[in-house]
N, C-alpha and C. Protein backbone atom coordinates (compact mmCIF):
# COMPACT_ATOMS: atom_id res chain seq x y z
N VAL A 1 -57.13 -42.88 -22.25
CA VAL A 1 -55.66 -44.12 -22.19
C VAL A 1 -54.99 -43.27 -22.11
N MET A 2 -54.69 -41.99 -23.03
CA MET A 2 -54.11 -41.40 -23.30
C MET A 2 -53.48 -39.93 -22.37
N LYS A 3 -55.02 -39.84 -21.84
CA LYS A 3 -54.79 -39.15 -20.41
C LYS A 3 -54.03 -38.86 -19.63
N ILE A 4 -53.93 -40.20 -19.16
CA ILE A 4 -53.16 -40.80 -18.12
C ILE A 4 -51.56 -41.38 -18.58
N LEU A 5 -51.73 -41.48 -19.70
CA LEU A 5 -50.30 -41.72 -19.88
C LEU A 5 -49.96 -40.58 -19.69
N SER A 6 -50.18 -39.92 -20.86
CA SER A 6 -49.31 -37.81 -20.17
C SER A 6 -49.04 -37.14 -19.23
N LEU A 7 -50.13 -37.98 -18.61
CA LEU A 7 -50.08 -37.59 -16.85
C LEU A 7 -48.75 -38.04 -16.04
N LEU A 8 -48.44 -39.02 -16.36
CA LEU A 8 -47.58 -39.90 -15.93
C LEU A 8 -46.71 -39.62 -16.78
N GLY A 9 -46.43 -39.17 -17.79
CA GLY A 9 -45.06 -38.46 -18.44
C GLY A 9 -44.29 -36.93 -18.11
N LEU A 10 -45.14 -36.17 -17.55
CA LEU A 10 -45.32 -35.41 -16.68
C LEU A 10 -44.90 -35.81 -15.00
N VAL A 11 -45.29 -36.20 -14.55
CA VAL A 11 -44.93 -36.98 -13.78
C VAL A 11 -43.12 -37.05 -13.67
N ILE A 12 -43.06 -38.20 -14.50
CA ILE A 12 -41.88 -39.05 -14.46
C ILE A 12 -40.61 -37.82 -14.60
N LYS A 13 -40.94 -36.88 -15.86
CA LYS A 13 -40.20 -35.58 -16.49
C LYS A 13 -39.96 -34.79 -15.53
N ASN A 14 -41.61 -34.61 -13.89
CA ASN A 14 -40.88 -33.79 -13.67
C ASN A 14 -40.02 -33.84 -12.29
N ASN A 15 -40.32 -34.81 -12.09
CA ASN A 15 -39.41 -35.84 -11.41
C ASN A 15 -40.35 -35.10 -10.13
N LEU A 16 -41.95 -35.30 -10.06
CA LEU A 16 -42.84 -34.98 -9.21
C LEU A 16 -43.14 -36.08 -7.99
N VAL A 17 -42.09 -37.09 -8.30
CA VAL A 17 -42.02 -38.42 -7.23
C VAL A 17 -41.33 -38.07 -6.19
N GLU A 18 -41.25 -37.66 -5.20
CA GLU A 18 -40.09 -37.30 -4.26
C GLU A 18 -40.27 -37.04 -3.10
N GLY A 19 -40.17 -36.24 -2.26
CA GLY A 19 -40.83 -35.86 -0.79
C GLY A 19 -42.30 -35.80 -0.98
N ALA A 20 -42.40 -34.06 -1.16
CA ALA A 20 -44.00 -34.36 -0.46
C ALA A 20 -44.86 -34.46 -1.45
N SER A 21 -44.27 -34.17 -2.81
CA SER A 21 -45.11 -35.55 -3.95
C SER A 21 -45.90 -37.04 -4.13
N ALA A 22 -44.11 -37.64 -3.07
CA ALA A 22 -44.91 -38.63 -3.76
C ALA A 22 -45.13 -39.28 -2.13
N HIS A 23 -45.21 -38.45 -1.32
CA HIS A 23 -46.13 -38.81 -0.06
C HIS A 23 -48.00 -39.12 -0.19
N TRP A 24 -48.28 -38.07 -1.56
CA TRP A 24 -49.00 -36.83 -1.37
C TRP A 24 -50.04 -38.05 -3.19
N TRP A 25 -48.91 -38.34 -3.90
CA TRP A 25 -49.34 -39.39 -4.10
C TRP A 25 -49.45 -40.94 -4.56
N SER A 26 -49.01 -41.61 -3.16
CA SER A 26 -48.68 -42.78 -2.52
C SER A 26 -50.39 -42.32 -1.24
N GLN A 27 -50.35 -41.62 -1.19
CA GLN A 27 -52.52 -40.86 -1.03
C GLN A 27 -53.21 -41.42 -1.33
N ARG A 28 -53.20 -40.84 -2.52
CA ARG A 28 -53.92 -40.93 -3.50
C ARG A 28 -54.08 -42.49 -4.21
N VAL A 29 -52.82 -43.27 -4.32
CA VAL A 29 -53.24 -44.77 -4.79
C VAL A 29 -53.05 -45.73 -4.23
N SER A 30 -52.74 -45.22 -2.79
CA SER A 30 -53.92 -46.07 -1.74
C SER A 30 -55.02 -45.86 -1.68
N ALA A 31 -55.41 -44.89 -1.32
CA ALA A 31 -56.85 -44.84 -1.63
C ALA A 31 -58.37 -44.85 -2.59
N PHE A 32 -57.15 -44.75 -3.85
CA PHE A 32 -58.09 -45.85 -5.63
C PHE A 32 -57.95 -47.09 -5.27
N PHE A 33 -56.89 -47.87 -4.66
CA PHE A 33 -57.10 -49.59 -3.73
C PHE A 33 -57.83 -49.78 -2.77
N LEU A 34 -58.03 -48.94 -1.81
CA LEU A 34 -58.81 -48.89 -1.00
C LEU A 34 -60.61 -49.01 -1.06
N ALA A 35 -60.40 -48.01 -1.97
CA ALA A 35 -61.94 -47.97 -2.48
C ALA A 35 -62.20 -49.10 -3.81
N ILE A 36 -61.54 -49.61 -4.23
CA ILE A 36 -61.80 -50.82 -5.02
C ILE A 36 -61.63 -52.26 -4.28
N LEU A 37 -60.78 -52.02 -2.50
CA LEU A 37 -61.14 -53.30 -2.30
C LEU A 37 -62.08 -53.11 -1.24
N PHE A 38 -62.23 -52.05 -1.24
CA PHE A 38 -64.12 -52.02 -0.49
C PHE A 38 -65.32 -52.25 -1.11
N VAL A 39 -65.33 -52.59 -2.31
CA VAL A 39 -65.97 -52.30 -3.42
C VAL A 39 -65.72 -54.21 -2.68
N TRP A 40 -65.43 -54.95 -3.32
CA TRP A 40 -64.72 -56.18 -3.01
C TRP A 40 -65.48 -56.70 -1.98
N PHE A 41 -64.76 -56.13 -1.10
CA PHE A 41 -65.57 -57.19 0.60
C PHE A 41 -66.52 -56.52 0.82
N THR A 42 -67.24 -55.15 -0.01
CA THR A 42 -68.93 -54.64 0.45
C THR A 42 -69.94 -56.47 0.25
N PHE A 43 -69.31 -56.69 -1.10
CA PHE A 43 -69.79 -57.53 -1.92
C PHE A 43 -69.79 -59.42 -1.50
N SER A 44 -68.75 -59.36 -1.43
CA SER A 44 -68.41 -60.34 -1.22
C SER A 44 -68.89 -61.09 0.04
N PHE A 45 -67.96 -60.17 1.39
CA PHE A 45 -68.69 -60.45 2.26
C PHE A 45 -70.56 -59.98 2.92
N GLY A 46 -71.42 -59.59 1.56
CA GLY A 46 -72.72 -59.46 2.29
C GLY A 46 -72.81 -60.61 1.75
N ASN A 47 -71.89 -61.43 0.20
CA ASN A 47 -72.90 -62.97 0.26
C ASN A 47 -73.37 -64.02 0.87
N ILE A 48 -72.43 -63.68 1.96
CA ILE A 48 -72.90 -65.04 3.24
C ILE A 48 -73.85 -65.00 3.74
N GLU A 49 -74.27 -66.28 3.94
CA GLU A 49 -75.45 -66.85 4.42
C GLU A 49 -75.71 -66.18 5.41
N ASN A 50 -75.32 -66.92 6.91
CA ASN A 50 -75.50 -66.13 8.09
C ASN A 50 -74.39 -65.42 8.39
N TYR A 51 -74.45 -64.15 9.81
CA TYR A 51 -73.13 -64.05 9.80
C TYR A 51 -72.16 -64.62 11.42
N GLU A 52 -72.84 -65.76 11.42
CA GLU A 52 -72.22 -65.96 12.70
C GLU A 52 -70.55 -66.42 12.72
N TYR A 53 -69.95 -67.10 13.59
CA TYR A 53 -68.91 -67.19 13.65
C TYR A 53 -68.59 -68.45 13.14
N ASP A 54 -68.74 -69.52 12.64
CA ASP A 54 -68.13 -70.66 11.85
C ASP A 54 -67.79 -70.35 10.30
N ALA A 55 -69.82 -69.53 10.44
CA ALA A 55 -69.60 -68.83 8.91
C ALA A 55 -67.89 -67.88 8.10
N VAL A 56 -68.48 -66.71 9.08
CA VAL A 56 -68.10 -65.34 8.83
C VAL A 56 -65.88 -66.98 8.63
N ILE A 57 -65.77 -67.20 9.68
CA ILE A 57 -64.22 -67.99 9.27
C ILE A 57 -64.52 -68.74 8.20
N SER A 58 -65.29 -69.84 8.22
CA SER A 58 -64.94 -70.19 7.21
C SER A 58 -65.02 -69.72 6.15
N TRP A 59 -65.91 -68.16 5.93
CA TRP A 59 -65.58 -67.32 4.80
C TRP A 59 -63.92 -66.83 4.03
N SER A 60 -64.02 -66.33 5.60
CA SER A 60 -61.85 -65.58 5.34
C SER A 60 -61.01 -67.17 4.94
N SER A 61 -61.15 -68.19 5.51
CA SER A 61 -60.12 -69.36 5.27
C SER A 61 -60.14 -69.52 4.09
N GLY A 62 -61.63 -69.09 2.58
CA GLY A 62 -60.79 -69.25 1.46
C GLY A 62 -60.11 -68.51 0.78
N ILE A 63 -58.65 -68.65 -0.21
CA ILE A 63 -57.79 -68.63 -0.32
C ILE A 63 -57.79 -67.08 -1.20
N LEU A 64 -58.77 -67.00 -1.84
CA LEU A 64 -58.52 -65.44 -2.29
C LEU A 64 -59.35 -64.73 -1.04
N ASN A 65 -60.10 -64.36 -0.16
CA ASN A 65 -61.15 -64.23 0.54
C ASN A 65 -59.14 -64.11 1.40
N SER A 66 -58.98 -64.38 1.43
CA SER A 66 -57.41 -64.32 2.79
C SER A 66 -57.45 -62.93 2.01
N VAL A 67 -56.31 -63.59 1.00
CA VAL A 67 -55.69 -63.27 0.11
C VAL A 67 -55.82 -61.40 0.18
N MET A 68 -57.69 -61.24 -0.50
CA MET A 68 -57.80 -59.38 -0.11
C MET A 68 -57.51 -59.07 0.68
N LEU A 69 -58.87 -59.90 1.41
CA LEU A 69 -59.23 -59.30 3.30
C LEU A 69 -56.26 -57.75 3.24
N LEU A 70 -56.06 -58.92 3.14
CA LEU A 70 -54.62 -59.21 3.56
C LEU A 70 -54.47 -58.01 2.87
N LEU A 71 -54.97 -57.95 2.09
CA LEU A 71 -54.03 -56.24 0.97
C LEU A 71 -55.19 -56.09 1.22
N LEU A 72 -56.52 -55.86 1.43
CA LEU A 72 -57.64 -54.81 2.34
C LEU A 72 -57.06 -54.12 3.41
N SER A 73 -56.81 -55.05 4.48
CA SER A 73 -55.89 -54.51 5.77
C SER A 73 -54.51 -54.13 5.26
N ILE A 74 -53.78 -54.58 4.76
CA ILE A 74 -52.49 -53.64 4.62
C ILE A 74 -52.49 -51.92 3.86
N ALA A 75 -53.74 -52.21 2.86
CA ALA A 75 -53.84 -50.55 2.35
C ALA A 75 -54.80 -49.38 3.45
N MET A 76 -55.75 -50.70 4.13
CA MET A 76 -56.05 -49.82 4.97
C MET A 76 -54.67 -48.99 6.30
N ILE A 77 -53.92 -49.90 6.42
CA ILE A 77 -52.78 -50.04 7.30
C ILE A 77 -52.18 -48.65 7.09
N TYR A 78 -51.52 -48.65 5.71
CA TYR A 78 -50.57 -47.66 4.83
C TYR A 78 -51.50 -46.55 4.98
N HIS A 79 -52.74 -46.70 4.89
CA HIS A 79 -53.24 -45.42 4.11
C HIS A 79 -53.59 -44.64 5.70
N SER A 80 -53.69 -44.83 6.30
CA SER A 80 -53.70 -44.88 8.16
C SER A 80 -52.41 -44.30 8.71
N SER A 81 -51.72 -44.79 7.50
CA SER A 81 -50.33 -44.41 8.78
C SER A 81 -49.57 -43.28 7.42
N LEU A 82 -50.83 -43.50 6.71
CA LEU A 82 -49.81 -41.35 5.36
C LEU A 82 -49.99 -40.52 6.30
N GLY A 83 -51.93 -40.85 6.52
CA GLY A 83 -52.68 -39.72 6.85
C GLY A 83 -52.74 -39.46 8.21
N LEU A 84 -51.96 -39.91 9.27
CA LEU A 84 -51.43 -39.76 10.98
C LEU A 84 -50.43 -38.94 10.20
N GLU A 85 -49.60 -39.50 10.14
CA GLU A 85 -48.47 -38.44 9.07
C GLU A 85 -48.62 -37.32 8.91
N VAL A 86 -48.92 -36.64 8.14
CA VAL A 86 -49.81 -35.56 7.42
C VAL A 86 -49.69 -34.59 8.22
N ILE A 87 -50.92 -34.85 9.11
CA ILE A 87 -52.03 -34.35 10.55
C ILE A 87 -50.38 -34.30 11.50
N ILE A 88 -49.82 -35.25 11.94
CA ILE A 88 -48.57 -35.22 12.96
C ILE A 88 -47.93 -33.65 12.37
N GLU A 89 -47.65 -33.71 10.97
CA GLU A 89 -45.97 -32.52 10.33
C GLU A 89 -47.01 -31.93 10.73
N ASP A 90 -48.51 -31.64 9.82
CA ASP A 90 -48.99 -30.38 10.03
C ASP A 90 -49.31 -29.60 11.55
N TYR A 91 -49.90 -30.58 12.46
CA TYR A 91 -50.18 -29.80 13.41
C TYR A 91 -49.30 -30.02 15.19
N ILE A 92 -48.49 -30.82 14.43
CA ILE A 92 -47.55 -30.86 16.21
C ILE A 92 -46.32 -30.33 15.45
N HIS A 93 -46.13 -28.25 16.77
CA HIS A 93 -44.73 -27.30 16.50
C HIS A 93 -43.41 -28.04 16.66
N THR A 94 -44.12 -28.79 18.20
CA THR A 94 -42.76 -29.30 18.50
C THR A 94 -42.08 -29.85 17.95
N ARG A 95 -40.27 -30.06 17.44
CA ARG A 95 -39.90 -30.05 16.46
C ARG A 95 -39.24 -31.57 17.29
N LYS A 96 -39.13 -32.13 18.54
CA LYS A 96 -39.08 -32.99 19.51
C LYS A 96 -39.70 -34.06 19.47
N THR A 97 -41.48 -33.19 19.95
CA THR A 97 -42.72 -33.97 19.66
C THR A 97 -43.30 -34.37 18.75
N ARG A 98 -42.70 -33.50 17.68
CA ARG A 98 -43.45 -34.46 16.34
C ARG A 98 -42.57 -35.62 16.00
N LYS A 99 -41.10 -35.49 16.23
CA LYS A 99 -40.04 -36.62 15.99
C LYS A 99 -41.00 -37.99 16.42
N TYR A 100 -41.01 -37.85 18.02
CA TYR A 100 -41.49 -38.87 18.50
C TYR A 100 -42.87 -39.50 18.32
N SER A 101 -43.62 -38.47 18.48
CA SER A 101 -45.35 -39.23 17.59
C SER A 101 -45.22 -39.47 15.47
N LEU A 102 -44.14 -39.23 15.31
CA LEU A 102 -43.79 -39.47 13.16
C LEU A 102 -43.89 -41.28 13.71
N ILE A 103 -42.59 -40.96 14.70
CA ILE A 103 -41.86 -42.93 14.63
C ILE A 103 -43.34 -43.30 16.26
N LEU A 104 -43.45 -42.82 17.02
CA LEU A 104 -44.95 -44.00 17.46
C LEU A 104 -46.02 -44.23 16.52
N ASN A 105 -46.62 -43.40 15.65
CA ASN A 105 -46.98 -43.30 14.05
C ASN A 105 -46.94 -45.18 13.82
N LYS A 106 -45.21 -44.86 13.24
CA LYS A 106 -44.63 -46.00 12.23
C LYS A 106 -44.51 -47.20 12.77
N ALA A 107 -44.49 -46.90 13.88
CA ALA A 107 -44.45 -48.09 15.58
C ALA A 107 -45.96 -48.65 15.27
N ILE A 108 -46.53 -48.44 15.72
CA ILE A 108 -48.12 -48.71 15.62
C ILE A 108 -48.78 -48.75 14.51
N HIS A 109 -48.39 -48.33 13.63
CA HIS A 109 -48.12 -49.46 12.42
C HIS A 109 -47.95 -50.35 11.60
N LEU A 110 -47.32 -50.40 12.18
CA LEU A 110 -45.60 -51.76 11.57
C LEU A 110 -46.73 -52.81 12.84
N LEU A 111 -46.70 -52.55 13.48
CA LEU A 111 -47.23 -53.62 14.81
C LEU A 111 -49.20 -54.25 14.13
N LEU A 112 -49.72 -53.20 13.83
CA LEU A 112 -50.59 -53.62 13.70
C LEU A 112 -50.61 -54.95 11.63
N ALA A 113 -49.76 -54.14 11.20
CA ALA A 113 -49.89 -54.90 9.86
C ALA A 113 -49.36 -56.15 9.84
N VAL A 114 -48.64 -56.00 10.96
CA VAL A 114 -47.53 -57.37 11.34
C VAL A 114 -48.88 -58.31 11.93
N VAL A 115 -49.17 -57.69 13.01
CA VAL A 115 -50.70 -58.86 13.71
C VAL A 115 -51.41 -58.77 12.71
N THR A 116 -52.07 -58.32 11.78
CA THR A 116 -52.90 -58.51 11.18
C THR A 116 -52.31 -59.51 9.97
N ILE A 117 -50.73 -59.26 10.07
CA ILE A 117 -50.66 -60.45 8.88
C ILE A 117 -51.10 -61.89 9.29
N VAL A 118 -50.45 -61.88 11.04
CA VAL A 118 -50.11 -62.89 11.27
C VAL A 118 -52.19 -63.57 11.48
N SER A 119 -52.68 -62.94 11.95
CA SER A 119 -53.85 -62.64 11.85
C SER A 119 -54.85 -63.92 11.01
N ILE A 120 -54.34 -63.43 10.39
CA ILE A 120 -55.34 -63.49 8.18
C ILE A 120 -54.25 -65.12 8.25
N PHE A 121 -53.37 -64.96 8.71
CA PHE A 121 -52.52 -66.61 8.24
C PHE A 121 -53.37 -67.53 9.11
N PHE A 122 -53.23 -67.34 10.42
CA PHE A 122 -53.81 -68.46 11.21
C PHE A 122 -55.27 -68.55 10.90
N ILE A 123 -55.86 -67.87 10.52
CA ILE A 123 -57.51 -67.64 10.07
C ILE A 123 -57.36 -68.60 9.40
N SER A 124 -56.99 -68.57 7.67
CA SER A 124 -56.40 -69.44 6.70
C SER A 124 -56.00 -70.43 6.83
N MET A 125 -55.17 -70.78 7.42
CA MET A 125 -54.57 -72.48 7.99
C MET A 125 -55.31 -73.14 9.14
N GLY A 126 -56.82 -71.96 9.53
CA GLY A 126 -58.01 -73.44 10.01
C GLY A 126 -57.43 -72.80 11.69
N SER A 127 -56.58 -72.41 12.27
CA SER A 127 -55.74 -72.62 13.77
C SER A 127 -56.94 -71.45 14.27
N GLN A 128 -57.25 -71.09 15.78
CA GLN A 128 -57.89 -70.13 16.45
C GLN A 128 -57.82 -70.03 17.15
């Protein structure tokens, strides 16, 4: 615990949460939450008796499962957006193309997040 607090103190003291280092930290934190949420998903989804449509809809309609699926989905979309941003910044060298690629990356991931949130909401409310 002391090592973690010491590391957090170093980060805050040296103001390492700006620019590239903030992006780096965001990737690590989202990867950490993805790992935890994926373990939950693996065990929870693995406990479904059969994987027919009605059983999966019933499983995903539960409040806890809906919230956890939402968290998992948003974390995956966010982590994907961060990763593609790094790839675009590192490998697209034309300034104009890089700018539009970054905008397209954010727009697609935002659309994906909205569709995911709406879909999970409708499933959890029983609409199909």
